[in-house]
């Protein structure tokens, strides 16, 4: 019986036809993955920008401004029920706010949004390098370091200016002074900080890989 396997066609450059087909399929798959990553990144950046624009229109639109507020956990009862709940935050709608509160609201929105776009851009650049086989090419660790710093700056801005906006909104909405000094530490989310530390550690790993890549290239 004859072998049903089709003969392998050799090319002048020494590569078989099957190898060329597999290589072509791999390149198409890489391009599709890159397009998908770019699309997801652009969509995410677009969502961030649109959300920021909507928030700024709300702030400067002349109407009442909804400000997220936090305070010391307080026990309250649901209206019409005997169920007790603990409330430690909410939203205050203020018609007029001082300049400091307005600036804090804007910075609490703008700085984290810009940081998010920077992180997305760095992630797209890193994905492109990984797909091109340039994981340890010069500049990769710089991209990761920038992403780490952007996460940290966005977290600090959101926490600091968000707290200032919350305090200003409570002061504007209430005739009585509200003590918020004890609520700051209770409402700080440390997850972005831990993420920044983790990405920073990844940047150190990439920097070490870049040095090893340079040393290995020098030995060739």
C-alpha atoms as a PDB file:
ATOM      1  CA  UNK A   1       0.000   0.000   0.000  1.00  0.00           C
ATOM      2  CA  UNK A   2       1.175   3.485  -0.740  1.00  0.00           C
ATOM      3  CA  UNK A   3       1.782   6.002   2.044  1.00  0.00           C
ATOM      4  CA  UNK A   4      -1.245   8.402   2.169  1.00  0.00           C
ATOM      5  CA  UNK A   5       0.878  11.164   3.667  1.00  0.00           C
ATOM      6  CA  UNK A   6       1.517  13.797   1.013  1.00  0.00           C
ATOM      7  CA  UNK A   7       5.147  14.416   0.180  1.00  0.00           C
ATOM      8  CA  UNK A   8       6.865  17.292   1.919  1.00  0.00           C
ATOM      9  CA  UNK A   9       7.833  19.940  -0.575  1.00  0.00           C
ATOM     10  CA  UNK A  10      11.242  21.458  -0.072  1.00  0.00           C
ATOM     11  CA  UNK A  11      11.819  25.097  -0.849  1.00  0.00           C
ATOM     12  CA  UNK A  12      15.011  26.638  -2.187  1.00  0.00           C
ATOM     13  CA  UNK A  13      15.706  28.306   1.168  1.00  0.00           C
ATOM     14  CA  UNK A  14      15.808  24.925   2.876  1.00  0.00           C
ATOM     15  CA  UNK A  15      12.468  25.231   4.710  1.00  0.00           C
ATOM     16  CA  UNK A  16       9.706  22.735   4.074  1.00  0.00           C
ATOM     17  CA  UNK A  17       6.270  23.793   2.868  1.00  0.00           C
ATOM     18  CA  UNK A  18       4.627  22.614   6.073  1.00  0.00           C
ATOM     19  CA  UNK A  19       6.999  24.660   8.215  1.00  0.00           C
ATOM     20  CA  UNK A  20       6.177  27.722   6.137  1.00  0.00           C
ATOM     21  CA  UNK A  21       2.451  27.136   6.581  1.00  0.00           C
ATOM     22  CA  UNK A  22       2.876  26.722  10.338  1.00  0.00           C
ATOM     23  CA  UNK A  23       4.977  29.875  10.550  1.00  0.00           C
ATOM     24  CA  UNK A  24       2.402  31.822   8.564  1.00  0.00           C
ATOM     25  CA  UNK A  25      -0.401  30.587  10.801  1.00  0.00           C
ATOM     26  CA  UNK A  26       1.613  31.569  13.888  1.00  0.00           C
ATOM     27  CA  UNK A  27       2.182  35.072  12.549  1.00  0.00           C
ATOM     28  CA  UNK A  28      -1.527  35.471  11.803  1.00  0.00           C
ATOM     29  CA  UNK A  29      -2.377  34.298  15.311  1.00  0.00           C
ATOM     30  CA  UNK A  30       0.079  36.791  16.811  1.00  0.00           C
ATOM     31  CA  UNK A  31      -1.417  39.602  14.768  1.00  0.00           C
ATOM     32  CA  UNK A  32      -4.924  38.616  15.872  1.00  0.00           C
ATOM     33  CA  UNK A  33      -3.813  38.572  19.528  1.00  0.00           C
ATOM     34  CA  UNK A  34      -2.180  41.978  19.120  1.00  0.00           C
ATOM     35  CA  UNK A  35      -5.302  43.441  17.502  1.00  0.00           C
ATOM     36  CA  UNK A  36      -7.412  42.021  20.335  1.00  0.00           C
ATOM     37  CA  UNK A  37      -5.099  43.511  22.974  1.00  0.00           C
ATOM     38  CA  UNK A  38      -5.083  46.894  21.238  1.00  0.00           C
ATOM     39  CA  UNK A  39      -8.874  46.845  20.909  1.00  0.00           C
ATOM     40  CA  UNK A  40      -9.394  45.999  24.572  1.00  0.00           C
ATOM     41  CA  UNK A  41      -6.915  48.692  25.600  1.00  0.00           C
ATOM     42  CA  UNK A  42      -8.581  51.342  23.452  1.00  0.00           C
ATOM     43  CA  UNK A  43     -12.027  50.379  24.723  1.00  0.00           C
ATOM     44  CA  UNK A  44     -10.835  50.553  28.336  1.00  0.00           C
ATOM     45  CA  UNK A  45      -9.191  53.939  27.753  1.00  0.00           C
ATOM     46  CA  UNK A  46     -12.343  55.178  26.027  1.00  0.00           C
ATOM     47  CA  UNK A  47     -14.501  54.128  28.983  1.00  0.00           C
ATOM     48  CA  UNK A  48     -12.178  55.975  31.375  1.00  0.00           C
ATOM     49  CA  UNK A  49     -12.237  59.159  29.272  1.00  0.00           C
ATOM     50  CA  UNK A  50     -16.015  59.111  28.777  1.00  0.00           C
ATOM     51  CA  UNK A  51     -16.597  58.582  32.497  1.00  0.00           C
ATOM     52  CA  UNK A  52     -14.278  61.497  33.278  1.00  0.00           C
ATOM     53  CA  UNK A  53     -16.065  63.794  30.813  1.00  0.00           C
ATOM     54  CA  UNK A  54     -19.471  62.901  32.260  1.00  0.00           C
ATOM     55  CA  UNK A  55     -18.218  63.609  35.768  1.00  0.00           C
ATOM     56  CA  UNK A  56     -16.690  66.969  34.787  1.00  0.00           C
ATOM     57  CA  UNK A  57     -19.913  67.985  33.024  1.00  0.00           C
ATOM     58  CA  UNK A  58     -21.768  67.171  36.240  1.00  0.00           C
ATOM     59  CA  UNK A  59     -19.343  69.226  38.323  1.00  0.00           C
ATOM     60  CA  UNK A  60     -19.322  72.284  36.065  1.00  0.00           C
ATOM     61  CA  UNK A  61     -22.870  71.970  34.714  1.00  0.00           C
ATOM     62  CA  UNK A  62     -24.334  74.314  37.289  1.00  0.00           C
ATOM     63  CA  UNK A  63     -26.602  71.748  38.970  1.00  0.00           C
ATOM     64  CA  UNK A  64     -26.229  69.812  42.187  1.00  0.00           C
ATOM     65  CA  UNK A  65     -23.060  67.762  42.559  1.00  0.00           C
ATOM     66  CA  UNK A  66     -23.151  64.208  43.883  1.00  0.00           C
ATOM     67  CA  UNK A  67     -20.087  63.616  46.059  1.00  0.00           C
ATOM     68  CA  UNK A  68     -19.185  60.223  47.568  1.00  0.00           C
ATOM     69  CA  UNK A  69     -18.628  60.677  51.311  1.00  0.00           C
ATOM     70  CA  UNK A  70     -17.260  58.500  54.082  1.00  0.00           C
ATOM     71  CA  UNK A  71     -17.625  58.819  57.815  1.00  0.00           C
ATOM     72  CA  UNK A  72     -17.288  56.869  61.040  1.00  0.00           C
ATOM     73  CA  UNK A  73     -19.480  53.718  60.936  1.00  0.00           C
ATOM     74  CA  UNK A  74     -22.848  54.595  62.452  1.00  0.00           C
ATOM     75  CA  UNK A  75     -25.727  52.288  63.306  1.00  0.00           C
ATOM     76  CA  UNK A  76     -29.064  53.164  61.750  1.00  0.00           C
ATOM     77  CA  UNK A  77     -32.404  51.468  61.168  1.00  0.00           C
ATOM     78  CA  UNK A  78     -34.094  50.856  57.852  1.00  0.00           C
ATOM     79  CA  UNK A  79     -37.166  53.049  57.414  1.00  0.00           C
ATOM     80  CA  UNK A  80     -40.316  51.170  58.374  1.00  0.00           C
ATOM     81  CA  UNK A  81     -38.359  48.255  59.773  1.00  0.00           C
ATOM     82  CA  UNK A  82     -36.591  47.232  62.943  1.00  0.00           C
ATOM     83  CA  UNK A  83     -33.557  45.965  61.006  1.00  0.00           C
ATOM     84  CA  UNK A  84     -30.337  47.655  62.178  1.00  0.00           C
ATOM     85  CA  UNK A  85     -27.603  48.424  59.652  1.00  0.00           C
ATOM     86  CA  UNK A  86     -24.175  49.973  59.904  1.00  0.00           C
ATOM     87  CA  UNK A  87     -23.622  52.906  57.555  1.00  0.00           C
ATOM     88  CA  UNK A  88     -20.117  54.171  56.837  1.00  0.00           C
ATOM     89  CA  UNK A  89     -20.554  55.975  53.541  1.00  0.00           C
ATOM     90  CA  UNK A  90     -22.941  57.336  50.983  1.00  0.00           C
ATOM     91  CA  UNK A  91     -23.492  60.134  48.501  1.00  0.00           C
ATOM     92  CA  UNK A  92     -24.169  63.755  49.374  1.00  0.00           C
ATOM     93  CA  UNK A  93     -25.744  66.082  46.821  1.00  0.00           C
ATOM     94  CA  UNK A  94     -24.581  69.659  47.265  1.00  0.00           C
ATOM     95  CA  UNK A  95     -25.797  72.707  45.396  1.00  0.00           C
ATOM     96  CA  UNK A  96     -22.929  74.975  46.304  1.00  0.00           C
ATOM     97  CA  UNK A  97     -19.404  73.997  47.257  1.00  0.00           C
ATOM     98  CA  UNK A  98     -16.324  76.004  48.076  1.00  0.00           C
ATOM     99  CA  UNK A  99     -13.451  76.373  45.600  1.00  0.00           C
ATOM    100  CA  UNK A 100     -11.308  73.957  47.609  1.00  0.00           C
ATOM    101  CA  UNK A 101     -14.012  71.290  47.452  1.00  0.00           C
ATOM    102  CA  UNK A 102     -14.490  71.795  43.702  1.00  0.00           C
ATOM    103  CA  UNK A 103     -10.741  71.504  43.083  1.00  0.00           C
ATOM    104  CA  UNK A 104     -10.581  68.359  45.216  1.00  0.00           C
ATOM    105  CA  UNK A 105     -13.491  66.777  43.324  1.00  0.00           C
ATOM    106  CA  UNK A 106     -11.860  67.535  39.979  1.00  0.00           C
ATOM    107  CA  UNK A 107      -8.421  66.270  40.997  1.00  0.00           C
ATOM    108  CA  UNK A 108      -9.945  63.141  42.561  1.00  0.00           C
ATOM    109  CA  UNK A 109     -11.387  62.342  39.125  1.00  0.00           C
ATOM    110  CA  UNK A 110      -8.775  63.680  36.687  1.00  0.00           C
ATOM    111  CA  UNK A 111      -5.555  62.329  38.226  1.00  0.00           C
ATOM    112  CA  UNK A 112      -6.748  58.705  38.607  1.00  0.00           C
ATOM    113  CA  UNK A 113      -8.214  58.808  35.086  1.00  0.00           C
ATOM    114  CA  UNK A 114      -4.935  60.015  33.591  1.00  0.00           C
ATOM    115  CA  UNK A 115      -3.076  57.387  35.616  1.00  0.00           C
ATOM    116  CA  UNK A 116      -5.415  54.684  34.299  1.00  0.00           C
ATOM    117  CA  UNK A 117      -4.816  55.747  30.685  1.00  0.00           C
ATOM    118  CA  UNK A 118      -1.039  55.692  31.296  1.00  0.00           C
ATOM    119  CA  UNK A 119      -1.266  52.179  32.752  1.00  0.00           C
ATOM    120  CA  UNK A 120      -3.322  51.006  29.769  1.00  0.00           C
ATOM    121  CA  UNK A 121      -0.804  52.513  27.323  1.00  0.00           C
ATOM    122  CA  UNK A 122       2.097  50.818  29.144  1.00  0.00           C
ATOM    123  CA  UNK A 123       0.226  47.505  29.139  1.00  0.00           C
ATOM    124  CA  UNK A 124      -0.342  47.735  25.387  1.00  0.00           C
ATOM    125  CA  UNK A 125       3.343  48.518  24.821  1.00  0.00           C
ATOM    126  CA  UNK A 126       4.355  45.570  26.997  1.00  0.00           C
ATOM    127  CA  UNK A 127       2.028  43.206  25.141  1.00  0.00           C
ATOM    128  CA  UNK A 128       3.504  44.298  21.809  1.00  0.00           C
ATOM    129  CA  UNK A 129       7.024  43.653  23.070  1.00  0.00           C
ATOM    130  CA  UNK A 130       6.091  40.222  24.405  1.00  0.00           C
ATOM    131  CA  UNK A 131       4.460  39.226  21.122  1.00  0.00           C
ATOM    132  CA  UNK A 132       7.493  40.410  19.165  1.00  0.00           C
ATOM    133  CA  UNK A 133       9.807  38.346  21.370  1.00  0.00           C
ATOM    134  CA  UNK A 134      11.393  41.482  22.863  1.00  0.00           C
ATOM    135  CA  UNK A 135      10.467  40.886  26.496  1.00  0.00           C
ATOM    136  CA  UNK A 136      13.919  41.867  27.738  1.00  0.00           C
ATOM    137  CA  UNK A 137      14.704  44.516  25.150  1.00  0.00           C
ATOM    138  CA  UNK A 138      15.876  47.883  26.526  1.00  0.00           C
ATOM    139  CA  UNK A 139      12.915  49.955  27.649  1.00  0.00           C
ATOM    140  CA  UNK A 140      10.634  47.145  28.806  1.00  0.00           C
ATOM    141  CA  UNK A 141      11.439  47.658  32.476  1.00  0.00           C
ATOM    142  CA  UNK A 142      10.870  51.393  32.004  1.00  0.00           C
ATOM    143  CA  UNK A 143       7.333  50.722  30.752  1.00  0.00           C
ATOM    144  CA  UNK A 144       6.580  48.550  33.778  1.00  0.00           C
ATOM    145  CA  UNK A 145       8.107  51.118  36.152  1.00  0.00           C
ATOM    146  CA  UNK A 146       5.965  53.884  34.650  1.00  0.00           C
ATOM    147  CA  UNK A 147       2.870  51.728  35.100  1.00  0.00           C
ATOM    148  CA  UNK A 148       3.792  51.102  38.737  1.00  0.00           C
ATOM    149  CA  UNK A 149       4.296  54.804  39.428  1.00  0.00           C
ATOM    150  CA  UNK A 150       1.031  55.662  37.648  1.00  0.00           C
ATOM    151  CA  UNK A 151      -0.895  53.213  39.844  1.00  0.00           C
ATOM    152  CA  UNK A 152       0.699  54.709  42.954  1.00  0.00           C
ATOM    153  CA  UNK A 153       0.032  58.326  41.939  1.00  0.00           C
ATOM    154  CA  UNK A 154      -3.569  57.539  40.977  1.00  0.00           C
ATOM    155  CA  UNK A 155      -4.168  55.792  44.299  1.00  0.00           C
ATOM    156  CA  UNK A 156      -2.676  58.652  46.336  1.00  0.00           C
ATOM    157  CA  UNK A 157      -4.679  61.258  44.411  1.00  0.00           C
ATOM    158  CA  UNK A 158      -7.952  59.331  44.681  1.00  0.00           C
ATOM    159  CA  UNK A 159      -7.451  58.781  48.411  1.00  0.00           C
ATOM    160  CA  UNK A 160      -6.208  62.257  49.324  1.00  0.00           C
ATOM    161  CA  UNK A 161      -8.430  64.422  47.131  1.00  0.00           C
ATOM    162  CA  UNK A 162     -11.396  62.082  47.559  1.00  0.00           C
ATOM    163  CA  UNK A 163     -11.166  62.532  51.321  1.00  0.00           C
ATOM    164  CA  UNK A 164     -10.867  66.305  50.959  1.00  0.00           C
ATOM    165  CA  UNK A 165     -13.899  66.378  48.632  1.00  0.00           C
ATOM    166  CA  UNK A 166     -15.862  64.205  51.061  1.00  0.00           C
ATOM    167  CA  UNK A 167     -15.070  66.488  54.002  1.00  0.00           C
ATOM    168  CA  UNK A 168     -15.945  69.587  51.982  1.00  0.00           C
ATOM    169  CA  UNK A 169     -19.253  68.115  50.813  1.00  0.00           C
ATOM    170  CA  UNK A 170     -20.233  67.123  54.356  1.00  0.00           C
ATOM    171  CA  UNK A 171     -19.352  70.591  55.615  1.00  0.00           C
ATOM    172  CA  UNK A 172     -21.422  72.221  52.845  1.00  0.00           C
ATOM    173  CA  UNK A 173     -24.427  69.943  53.371  1.00  0.00           C
ATOM    174  CA  UNK A 174     -24.551  70.062  57.153  1.00  0.00           C
ATOM    175  CA  UNK A 175     -24.994  73.072  59.393  1.00  0.00           C
ATOM    176  CA  UNK A 176     -23.272  71.217  62.219  1.00  0.00           C
ATOM    177  CA  UNK A 177     -19.584  70.315  62.035  1.00  0.00           C
ATOM    178  CA  UNK A 178     -18.938  66.681  61.111  1.00  0.00           C
ATOM    179  CA  UNK A 179     -15.966  64.898  62.644  1.00  0.00           C
ATOM    180  CA  UNK A 180     -14.324  62.837  59.883  1.00  0.00           C
ATOM    181  CA  UNK A 181     -10.867  62.570  61.406  1.00  0.00           C
ATOM    182  CA  UNK A 182     -11.342  58.934  62.443  1.00  0.00           C
ATOM    183  CA  UNK A 183     -12.839  57.779  59.126  1.00  0.00           C
ATOM    184  CA  UNK A 184      -9.814  58.304  56.886  1.00  0.00           C
ATOM    185  CA  UNK A 185      -7.785  55.259  57.966  1.00  0.00           C
ATOM    186  CA  UNK A 186     -10.891  53.067  58.029  1.00  0.00           C
ATOM    187  CA  UNK A 187     -11.732  53.719  54.384  1.00  0.00           C
ATOM    188  CA  UNK A 188      -8.308  53.572  52.770  1.00  0.00           C
ATOM    189  CA  UNK A 189      -8.096  50.748  50.238  1.00  0.00           C
ATOM    190  CA  UNK A 190      -4.601  49.289  50.181  1.00  0.00           C
ATOM    191  CA  UNK A 191      -5.198  47.078  47.134  1.00  0.00           C
ATOM    192  CA  UNK A 192      -3.922  49.651  44.574  1.00  0.00           C
ATOM    193  CA  UNK A 193      -0.830  50.204  46.723  1.00  0.00           C
ATOM    194  CA  UNK A 194      -0.134  46.468  46.802  1.00  0.00           C
ATOM    195  CA  UNK A 195      -0.696  46.334  43.033  1.00  0.00           C
ATOM    196  CA  UNK A 196       1.838  49.148  42.542  1.00  0.00           C
ATOM    197  CA  UNK A 197       4.367  47.278  44.694  1.00  0.00           C
ATOM    198  CA  UNK A 198       3.785  44.071  42.722  1.00  0.00           C
ATOM    199  CA  UNK A 199       4.203  45.828  39.368  1.00  0.00           C
ATOM    200  CA  UNK A 200       7.331  47.537  40.723  1.00  0.00           C
ATOM    201  CA  UNK A 201       8.769  44.133  41.650  1.00  0.00           C
ATOM    202  CA  UNK A 202       7.971  42.970  38.115  1.00  0.00           C
ATOM    203  CA  UNK A 203       9.898  45.965  36.777  1.00  0.00           C
ATOM    204  CA  UNK A 204      12.937  44.889  38.803  1.00  0.00           C
ATOM    205  CA  UNK A 205      12.660  41.404  37.318  1.00  0.00           C
ATOM    206  CA  UNK A 206      12.503  42.807  33.784  1.00  0.00           C
ATOM    207  CA  UNK A 207      15.495  45.045  34.515  1.00  0.00           C
ATOM    208  CA  UNK A 208      17.499  42.007  35.607  1.00  0.00           C
ATOM    209  CA  UNK A 209      16.436  40.198  32.447  1.00  0.00           C
ATOM    210  CA  UNK A 210      17.565  43.146  30.336  1.00  0.00           C
ATOM    211  CA  UNK A 211      21.004  43.065  31.950  1.00  0.00           C
ATOM    212  CA  UNK A 212      21.287  39.317  31.360  1.00  0.00           C
ATOM    213  CA  UNK A 213      20.217  39.824  27.754  1.00  0.00           C
ATOM    214  CA  UNK A 214      22.908  42.464  27.235  1.00  0.00           C
ATOM    215  CA  UNK A 215      25.549  40.209  28.834  1.00  0.00           C
ATOM    216  CA  UNK A 216      24.532  37.223  26.704  1.00  0.00           C
ATOM    217  CA  UNK A 217      24.593  39.334  23.541  1.00  0.00           C
ATOM    218  CA  UNK A 218      28.101  40.429  24.433  1.00  0.00           C
ATOM    219  CA  UNK A 219      29.255  36.818  24.667  1.00  0.00           C
ATOM    220  CA  UNK A 220      28.032  35.931  21.184  1.00  0.00           C
END
